[in-house]
N, C-alpha and C. Protein backbone atom coordinates (compact mmCIF):
# COMPACT_ATOMS: atom_id res chain seq x y z
N UNK A 1 91.09 103.76 105.36
CA UNK A 1 89.90 104.07 104.71
C UNK A 1 89.84 103.03 103.79
N UNK A 2 88.57 102.56 103.56
CA UNK A 2 88.26 101.62 102.59
C UNK A 2 87.95 102.11 101.27
N UNK A 3 88.06 101.56 100.25
CA UNK A 3 87.79 102.01 98.84
C UNK A 3 86.89 100.84 98.15
N UNK A 4 85.90 101.28 97.32
CA UNK A 4 85.06 100.41 96.67
C UNK A 4 85.85 99.99 95.35
N UNK A 5 85.77 98.72 95.05
CA UNK A 5 86.65 98.23 93.89
C UNK A 5 85.64 97.57 92.90
N UNK A 6 85.67 98.00 91.68
CA UNK A 6 84.72 97.57 90.60
C UNK A 6 85.66 97.13 89.48
N UNK A 7 85.24 95.73 88.93
CA UNK A 7 86.19 95.41 87.94
C UNK A 7 85.23 94.88 86.64
N UNK A 8 85.55 95.57 85.55
CA UNK A 8 84.54 95.26 84.45
C UNK A 8 85.58 94.62 83.36
N UNK A 9 84.88 93.62 82.71
CA UNK A 9 85.67 92.92 81.61
C UNK A 9 85.27 93.58 80.45
N UNK A 10 86.22 93.95 79.59
CA UNK A 10 85.87 94.49 78.36
C UNK A 10 86.57 93.96 77.05
N UNK A 11 86.04 94.07 75.87
CA UNK A 11 86.72 93.55 74.66
C UNK A 11 87.84 94.26 74.26
N UNK A 12 87.82 95.70 74.05
CA UNK A 12 88.85 96.51 73.60
C UNK A 12 89.33 97.54 74.68
N UNK A 13 90.66 97.32 75.16
CA UNK A 13 91.12 98.20 76.24
C UNK A 13 91.25 99.56 75.78
N UNK A 14 91.70 99.74 74.53
CA UNK A 14 92.11 101.05 74.15
C UNK A 14 90.79 102.06 74.04
N UNK A 15 89.75 101.38 73.57
CA UNK A 15 88.49 101.99 73.29
C UNK A 15 87.94 102.33 74.75
N UNK A 16 88.12 101.27 75.55
CA UNK A 16 87.49 101.33 76.96
C UNK A 16 88.18 102.48 77.81
N UNK A 17 89.43 102.59 77.71
CA UNK A 17 90.39 103.50 78.48
C UNK A 17 89.91 104.83 78.09
N UNK A 18 89.74 104.94 76.51
CA UNK A 18 89.07 106.30 76.17
C UNK A 18 87.80 106.69 76.81
N UNK A 19 86.76 105.78 76.77
CA UNK A 19 85.46 106.08 77.42
C UNK A 19 85.58 106.13 78.74
N UNK A 20 86.30 105.40 79.53
CA UNK A 20 86.26 105.57 81.19
C UNK A 20 87.16 107.01 81.45
N UNK A 21 88.30 107.21 80.69
CA UNK A 21 88.90 108.42 81.08
C UNK A 21 88.31 109.74 80.93
N UNK A 22 87.31 109.62 79.73
CA UNK A 22 86.29 110.72 79.55
C UNK A 22 85.21 110.75 80.56
N UNK A 23 84.69 109.78 81.17
CA UNK A 23 83.73 109.52 82.11
C UNK A 23 84.25 110.05 83.33
N UNK A 24 85.59 109.66 83.80
CA UNK A 24 85.89 110.16 85.06
C UNK A 24 86.71 111.38 85.19
N UNK A 25 86.95 111.81 83.89
CA UNK A 25 87.91 113.19 83.69
C UNK A 25 89.15 112.94 84.32
N UNK A 26 89.74 111.67 84.02
CA UNK A 26 91.17 111.36 84.59
C UNK A 26 91.62 110.26 83.72
N UNK A 27 92.78 110.16 83.67
CA UNK A 27 93.61 109.19 83.05
C UNK A 27 93.87 108.07 83.97
N UNK A 28 93.95 106.78 83.67
CA UNK A 28 94.18 105.71 84.44
C UNK A 28 95.60 105.65 85.18
N UNK A 29 95.79 105.34 86.42
CA UNK A 29 97.05 105.14 87.11
C UNK A 29 97.86 104.13 86.68
N UNK A 30 97.22 102.88 86.03
CA UNK A 30 98.00 101.81 85.46
C UNK A 30 97.28 101.46 84.11
N UNK A 31 98.14 101.28 83.21
CA UNK A 31 97.71 100.79 81.80
C UNK A 31 98.72 100.00 81.35
N UNK A 32 98.13 98.62 81.12
CA UNK A 32 98.79 97.65 80.42
C UNK A 32 98.28 97.32 79.16
N UNK A 33 98.74 96.21 78.51
CA UNK A 33 98.03 95.77 77.13
C UNK A 33 96.75 95.17 77.32
N UNK A 34 96.50 94.70 78.58
CA UNK A 34 95.32 93.87 78.93
C UNK A 34 94.65 94.27 80.19
N UNK A 35 94.81 95.56 80.72
CA UNK A 35 94.59 95.95 81.99
C UNK A 35 94.53 97.64 82.17
N UNK A 36 93.72 98.22 82.81
CA UNK A 36 93.80 99.58 83.14
C UNK A 36 93.12 99.76 84.40
N UNK A 37 93.63 100.63 85.22
CA UNK A 37 92.89 101.05 86.66
C UNK A 37 93.04 102.38 86.81
N UNK A 38 91.98 103.01 87.54
CA UNK A 38 91.73 104.29 88.00
C UNK A 38 91.74 104.21 89.46
N UNK A 39 92.49 105.03 90.13
CA UNK A 39 92.26 105.03 91.54
C UNK A 39 91.62 106.42 91.92
N UNK A 40 90.48 106.52 91.95
CA UNK A 40 89.59 107.75 92.04
C UNK A 40 89.36 108.12 93.47
N UNK A 41 89.39 109.43 93.68
CA UNK A 41 89.09 109.94 95.07
C UNK A 41 87.61 110.46 95.35
N UNK A 42 86.94 110.61 93.97
CA UNK A 42 85.65 111.33 94.03
C UNK A 42 84.97 110.51 92.68
N UNK A 43 84.32 109.60 92.97
CA UNK A 43 84.07 108.90 94.12
C UNK A 43 85.24 108.02 94.43
N UNK A 44 85.52 107.63 95.77
CA UNK A 44 86.48 106.90 96.25
C UNK A 44 86.43 105.42 95.69
N UNK A 45 86.98 105.09 94.58
CA UNK A 45 86.80 103.84 94.19
C UNK A 45 88.03 103.16 93.21
N UNK A 46 88.33 102.16 93.26
CA UNK A 46 89.58 101.43 92.45
C UNK A 46 88.55 100.95 91.29
N UNK A 47 88.60 101.38 90.11
CA UNK A 47 87.88 101.01 88.94
C UNK A 47 88.90 100.30 87.91
N UNK A 48 88.75 98.94 87.76
CA UNK A 48 89.73 98.40 86.89
C UNK A 48 88.84 97.83 85.62
N UNK A 49 89.65 97.72 84.75
CA UNK A 49 89.03 97.01 83.40
C UNK A 49 89.97 96.10 82.80
N UNK A 50 89.70 94.87 82.20
CA UNK A 50 90.59 94.09 81.64
C UNK A 50 89.88 93.08 80.58
N UNK A 51 90.90 92.72 79.72
CA UNK A 51 90.24 91.72 78.74
C UNK A 51 90.37 90.31 79.24
N UNK A 52 90.57 90.04 80.60
CA UNK A 52 90.68 88.76 81.15
C UNK A 52 89.41 88.02 81.79
N UNK A 53 88.47 88.69 81.70
CA UNK A 53 87.04 88.14 82.07
C UNK A 53 86.49 87.16 81.24
N UNK A 54 85.48 86.44 81.89
CA UNK A 54 84.76 85.39 81.07
C UNK A 54 83.96 86.16 79.94
N UNK A 55 83.44 87.06 80.07
CA UNK A 55 82.76 87.92 78.93
C UNK A 55 82.58 89.28 79.41
N UNK A 56 82.20 90.23 78.41
CA UNK A 56 82.21 91.68 78.67
C UNK A 56 81.16 91.85 79.73
N UNK A 57 81.31 92.75 80.53
CA UNK A 57 80.27 93.19 81.60
C UNK A 57 80.99 93.24 82.95
N UNK A 58 80.07 93.31 83.95
CA UNK A 58 80.82 93.27 85.44
C UNK A 58 81.45 92.03 85.62
N UNK A 59 82.61 92.02 86.15
CA UNK A 59 83.46 90.95 86.46
C UNK A 59 83.16 90.64 87.83
N UNK A 60 83.32 91.56 88.73
CA UNK A 60 83.38 91.51 90.21
C UNK A 60 83.38 92.72 90.94
N UNK A 61 82.96 92.94 92.11
CA UNK A 61 82.87 94.06 92.98
C UNK A 61 83.95 93.63 93.98
N UNK A 62 84.23 94.77 94.72
CA UNK A 62 85.15 94.54 96.04
C UNK A 62 85.34 95.51 96.97
N UNK A 63 86.03 95.36 98.03
CA UNK A 63 86.38 96.42 99.04
C UNK A 63 87.89 96.23 99.11
N UNK A 64 88.72 97.40 98.91
CA UNK A 64 90.10 97.50 99.22
C UNK A 64 90.45 98.18 100.38
N UNK A 65 91.27 97.69 101.22
CA UNK A 65 91.52 98.30 102.44
C UNK A 65 92.95 98.63 102.46
N UNK A 66 93.27 99.50 103.51
CA UNK A 66 94.74 100.11 103.50
C UNK A 66 95.59 99.33 104.55
N UNK A 67 95.16 98.61 105.30
CA UNK A 67 95.87 97.87 106.23
C UNK A 67 95.46 96.47 106.63
N UNK A 68 96.36 95.74 107.25
CA UNK A 68 95.93 94.41 107.75
C UNK A 68 94.95 94.28 108.71
N UNK A 69 94.89 95.29 109.58
CA UNK A 69 93.64 95.47 110.72
C UNK A 69 92.43 95.58 109.83
N UNK A 70 92.50 96.52 109.14
CA UNK A 70 91.20 96.84 108.22
C UNK A 70 90.70 95.50 107.42
N UNK A 71 91.76 94.73 106.93
CA UNK A 71 91.30 93.63 106.25
C UNK A 71 90.60 92.59 107.18
N UNK A 72 91.19 92.44 108.37
CA UNK A 72 90.55 91.42 109.39
C UNK A 72 89.17 91.91 109.76
N UNK A 73 88.92 93.24 109.78
CA UNK A 73 87.54 93.75 110.15
C UNK A 73 86.70 93.44 109.07
N UNK A 74 87.18 93.53 107.95
CA UNK A 74 86.14 93.24 106.71
C UNK A 74 85.85 91.67 106.53
N UNK A 75 87.19 90.92 106.69
CA UNK A 75 86.84 89.32 106.93
C UNK A 75 85.75 88.98 107.84
N UNK A 76 85.80 89.65 109.15
CA UNK A 76 84.74 89.51 110.11
C UNK A 76 83.54 89.83 109.53
N UNK A 77 83.23 90.88 108.77
CA UNK A 77 81.97 91.32 108.18
C UNK A 77 81.50 90.22 107.22
N UNK A 78 82.39 89.57 106.42
CA UNK A 78 82.18 88.67 105.45
C UNK A 78 81.55 87.39 106.22
N UNK A 79 82.18 86.82 107.32
CA UNK A 79 81.56 85.78 108.03
C UNK A 79 80.28 86.17 108.76
N UNK A 80 80.10 87.22 108.95
CA UNK A 80 78.85 87.76 109.64
C UNK A 80 77.80 87.72 108.44
N UNK A 81 78.19 88.18 107.23
CA UNK A 81 77.11 88.24 106.11
C UNK A 81 76.47 86.89 105.82
N UNK A 82 77.31 85.76 105.96
CA UNK A 82 76.89 84.35 105.71
C UNK A 82 77.41 84.09 104.51
N UNK A 83 77.27 82.76 104.03
CA UNK A 83 77.74 82.37 102.71
C UNK A 83 79.31 81.84 102.93
N UNK A 84 79.63 81.18 101.81
CA UNK A 84 80.85 80.66 102.06
C UNK A 84 81.94 81.67 101.57
N UNK A 85 82.96 81.93 102.51
CA UNK A 85 84.17 82.78 102.32
C UNK A 85 85.24 81.94 101.73
N UNK A 86 85.76 82.33 100.49
CA UNK A 86 86.69 81.61 99.75
C UNK A 86 88.12 82.39 100.07
N UNK A 87 89.00 81.86 100.92
CA UNK A 87 90.30 82.61 101.46
C UNK A 87 91.35 82.32 100.30
N UNK A 88 91.77 83.22 99.47
CA UNK A 88 92.82 83.18 98.53
C UNK A 88 94.23 83.31 99.18
N UNK A 89 94.30 84.12 100.04
CA UNK A 89 95.50 84.37 100.78
C UNK A 89 96.32 85.42 99.98
N UNK A 90 97.68 85.34 100.13
CA UNK A 90 98.71 86.15 99.28
C UNK A 90 98.69 85.65 97.97
N UNK A 91 98.68 86.75 96.99
CA UNK A 91 98.63 86.39 95.65
C UNK A 91 99.03 87.62 94.82
N UNK A 92 99.55 87.44 93.63
CA UNK A 92 99.73 88.33 92.54
C UNK A 92 98.61 88.42 91.55
N UNK A 93 97.91 89.39 91.41
CA UNK A 93 96.82 89.53 90.75
C UNK A 93 96.62 91.03 90.19
N UNK A 94 96.22 91.30 89.05
CA UNK A 94 96.03 92.50 88.49
C UNK A 94 97.30 93.48 88.65
N UNK A 95 98.38 92.93 88.37
CA UNK A 95 99.70 93.62 88.43
C UNK A 95 99.89 94.11 89.91
N UNK A 96 99.42 93.37 90.90
CA UNK A 96 99.56 93.81 92.23
C UNK A 96 99.79 92.62 93.26
N UNK A 97 100.42 92.79 94.40
CA UNK A 97 100.78 91.80 95.32
C UNK A 97 99.51 92.14 96.57
N UNK A 98 98.81 91.25 96.65
CA UNK A 98 97.73 91.24 97.63
C UNK A 98 97.32 90.07 98.48
N UNK A 99 96.76 90.29 99.44
CA UNK A 99 96.10 89.33 100.21
C UNK A 99 94.61 89.38 100.09
N UNK A 100 93.92 88.25 99.91
CA UNK A 100 92.43 88.54 99.48
C UNK A 100 91.34 87.36 99.76
N UNK A 101 90.33 87.65 99.92
CA UNK A 101 89.23 86.43 100.12
C UNK A 101 88.08 87.03 99.16
N UNK A 102 87.18 85.86 98.96
CA UNK A 102 86.12 86.18 98.11
C UNK A 102 84.87 85.57 98.48
N UNK A 103 83.59 86.19 98.30
CA UNK A 103 82.43 85.74 98.80
C UNK A 103 81.44 86.14 97.49
N UNK A 104 80.50 85.19 97.29
CA UNK A 104 79.37 85.62 96.35
C UNK A 104 78.12 86.18 97.30
N UNK A 105 77.50 87.27 96.79
CA UNK A 105 76.41 87.76 97.34
C UNK A 105 75.21 86.97 96.93
N UNK A 106 73.93 87.24 97.49
CA UNK A 106 72.82 86.45 97.16
C UNK A 106 72.31 86.39 95.70
N UNK A 107 72.89 87.38 95.03
CA UNK A 107 72.40 87.31 93.45
C UNK A 107 73.56 86.71 92.65
N UNK A 108 74.63 86.18 93.34
CA UNK A 108 75.66 85.54 92.71
C UNK A 108 76.70 86.39 92.06
N UNK A 109 76.81 87.69 92.46
CA UNK A 109 77.98 88.49 92.26
C UNK A 109 79.23 88.23 93.10
N UNK A 110 80.43 87.97 92.46
CA UNK A 110 81.50 87.67 93.43
C UNK A 110 82.06 89.22 93.99
N UNK A 111 82.41 89.15 95.38
CA UNK A 111 82.89 90.22 96.10
C UNK A 111 84.39 90.00 96.42
N UNK A 112 85.15 90.70 96.18
CA UNK A 112 86.65 90.41 96.45
C UNK A 112 86.96 91.32 97.71
N UNK A 113 87.71 90.96 98.75
CA UNK A 113 88.10 92.07 99.75
C UNK A 113 89.70 91.76 99.90
N UNK A 114 90.41 92.96 99.74
CA UNK A 114 91.86 92.61 99.52
C UNK A 114 92.62 93.85 100.11
N UNK A 115 93.87 93.38 100.32
CA UNK A 115 94.79 94.73 100.82
C UNK A 115 96.02 94.49 100.00
N UNK A 116 96.14 95.63 99.36
CA UNK A 116 97.27 95.48 98.35
C UNK A 116 98.60 95.90 99.10
N UNK A 117 99.73 95.18 98.92
CA UNK A 117 100.99 95.28 99.54
C UNK A 117 102.13 95.79 98.63
N UNK A 118 101.88 95.82 97.31
CA UNK A 118 102.82 96.26 96.40
C UNK A 118 102.73 95.93 94.99
N UNK A 119 103.27 96.18 94.13
CA UNK A 119 103.08 95.85 92.60
C UNK A 119 103.72 94.74 92.23
N UNK A 120 103.34 94.12 90.98
CA UNK A 120 103.76 92.85 90.60
C UNK A 120 103.91 93.27 89.06
N UNK A 121 105.06 92.59 88.33
CA UNK A 121 105.16 92.89 87.14
C UNK A 121 104.35 92.03 86.04
N UNK A 122 103.56 91.03 86.69
CA UNK A 122 102.78 90.17 85.93
C UNK A 122 101.28 90.38 86.29
N UNK A 123 100.26 90.22 85.40
CA UNK A 123 98.93 90.38 85.78
C UNK A 123 98.58 89.21 86.74
N UNK A 124 99.24 88.09 86.69
CA UNK A 124 98.82 87.00 87.42
C UNK A 124 97.85 86.18 86.61
N UNK A 125 97.80 84.70 86.74
CA UNK A 125 96.99 83.95 85.91
C UNK A 125 95.56 83.71 86.39
N UNK A 126 95.37 84.20 87.67
CA UNK A 126 93.96 83.98 88.21
C UNK A 126 93.73 82.65 88.68
N UNK A 127 94.96 81.83 88.94
CA UNK A 127 94.85 80.58 89.47
C UNK A 127 94.52 80.55 90.89
N UNK A 128 94.79 81.39 91.65
CA UNK A 128 94.29 81.43 93.09
C UNK A 128 93.00 81.50 93.12
N UNK A 129 92.40 82.61 92.64
CA UNK A 129 90.89 82.80 92.54
C UNK A 129 90.24 81.47 91.94
N UNK A 130 90.65 81.21 90.81
CA UNK A 130 90.16 79.96 90.07
C UNK A 130 90.13 78.79 90.92
N UNK A 131 91.36 78.45 91.48
CA UNK A 131 91.47 77.23 92.43
C UNK A 131 90.39 77.35 93.66
N UNK A 132 90.41 78.41 94.32
CA UNK A 132 89.41 78.75 95.32
C UNK A 132 87.97 78.48 94.95
N UNK A 133 87.67 79.15 93.66
CA UNK A 133 86.18 79.04 93.30
C UNK A 133 86.01 77.59 92.87
N UNK A 134 86.94 76.99 92.22
CA UNK A 134 86.67 75.61 91.69
C UNK A 134 86.24 74.74 93.12
N UNK A 135 87.34 74.62 93.84
CA UNK A 135 87.05 74.10 95.18
C UNK A 135 85.79 74.27 95.81
N UNK A 136 85.45 75.56 95.80
CA UNK A 136 84.21 76.07 96.43
C UNK A 136 82.90 75.49 95.78
N UNK A 137 83.06 75.57 94.52
CA UNK A 137 81.87 74.85 93.68
C UNK A 137 81.79 73.39 93.74
N UNK A 138 82.84 72.66 93.78
CA UNK A 138 82.95 71.33 94.00
C UNK A 138 82.23 71.04 95.39
N UNK A 139 82.59 71.68 96.40
CA UNK A 139 81.94 71.48 97.69
C UNK A 139 80.49 71.55 97.58
N UNK A 140 80.23 72.77 97.05
CA UNK A 140 78.68 73.14 96.75
C UNK A 140 78.03 72.01 96.07
N UNK A 141 78.59 71.50 95.02
CA UNK A 141 77.93 70.52 94.34
C UNK A 141 77.74 69.18 95.09
N UNK A 142 78.80 68.97 95.84
CA UNK A 142 78.76 67.76 96.70
C UNK A 142 77.50 67.75 97.69
N UNK A 143 77.35 68.96 98.26
CA UNK A 143 76.34 69.13 99.35
C UNK A 143 74.93 69.05 98.48
N UNK A 144 74.86 69.53 97.37
CA UNK A 144 73.54 69.53 96.43
C UNK A 144 73.17 68.05 96.21
N UNK A 145 74.37 67.40 95.85
CA UNK A 145 74.06 65.90 95.34
C UNK A 145 73.56 65.01 96.68
N UNK A 146 74.21 65.46 97.86
CA UNK A 146 73.79 64.66 99.06
C UNK A 146 72.19 65.14 99.30
N UNK A 147 71.90 66.50 99.19
CA UNK A 147 70.63 66.96 99.54
C UNK A 147 69.51 66.09 98.56
N UNK A 148 70.00 66.03 97.29
CA UNK A 148 69.22 65.67 96.24
C UNK A 148 69.02 64.13 96.45
N UNK A 149 69.86 63.42 96.77
CA UNK A 149 70.02 62.03 96.83
C UNK A 149 69.02 61.50 98.07
N UNK A 150 69.07 62.27 99.02
CA UNK A 150 68.41 61.86 100.16
C UNK A 150 66.96 62.36 100.41
N UNK A 151 66.88 63.50 99.88
CA UNK A 151 65.64 64.51 100.10
C UNK A 151 64.76 64.75 99.04
N UNK A 152 65.14 64.54 97.75
CA UNK A 152 64.22 64.73 96.70
C UNK A 152 63.77 63.59 95.88
N UNK A 153 62.82 63.34 95.36
CA UNK A 153 62.38 62.23 94.53
C UNK A 153 63.14 62.09 93.31
N UNK A 154 63.50 61.02 92.95
CA UNK A 154 64.20 60.74 91.65
C UNK A 154 63.36 60.80 90.48
N UNK A 155 63.69 61.46 89.48
CA UNK A 155 62.80 61.59 88.10
C UNK A 155 62.78 60.22 87.68
N UNK A 156 61.52 59.76 87.01
CA UNK A 156 61.46 58.51 86.48
C UNK A 156 62.19 58.38 85.22
N UNK A 157 62.69 57.37 84.79
CA UNK A 157 63.55 57.43 83.41
C UNK A 157 62.49 57.49 82.28
N UNK A 158 62.98 58.15 81.32
CA UNK A 158 62.04 58.27 80.19
C UNK A 158 62.08 57.10 79.34
N UNK A 159 60.95 56.67 78.70
CA UNK A 159 60.93 55.49 78.00
C UNK A 159 61.74 55.61 76.66
N UNK A 160 62.51 54.47 76.17
CA UNK A 160 63.44 54.72 75.03
C UNK A 160 62.66 55.14 73.78
N UNK A 161 61.39 54.96 73.79
CA UNK A 161 60.53 55.31 72.52
C UNK A 161 60.21 56.57 72.50
N UNK A 162 60.32 57.46 73.53
CA UNK A 162 60.11 58.88 73.51
C UNK A 162 60.93 59.52 72.49
N UNK A 163 60.26 60.69 71.74
CA UNK A 163 60.96 61.29 70.77
C UNK A 163 60.83 62.94 71.25
N UNK A 164 61.98 63.35 70.85
CA UNK A 164 61.87 64.94 71.03
C UNK A 164 61.91 65.22 72.52
């Protein structure tokens, strides 16, 4: 059975744990100095918060599966949805050992699909996701450069006397 995953970046873990514990009427199943996670059944969601995001707010969404077979099923859906799938593979992230891939939806929101295979004693440094995203962004920039170089008119240079 699949579970929706929501990861929110926060500034203050303690304050946010208090807020979400009251909202969900449940204490988190994992609490660290920089991370907390609720594995809720109603609604069925893996809700995580951390201080490791770029800025406070929605960091990413995801689909967590319970088996390698379900993971392959979701991967097939990602390919069918279109866009570039970033395969991260096996990694340690969010105090868990998982296999995962990433895709951005049309609005630019990152979606993670993953199968958790165990716990990790470290949060992970995000290098797997970051490396995959950086490689993806570089490839996207190269494609845009090729398109703009051959297909779009070049802007005329501004005269050196132009001000402001």
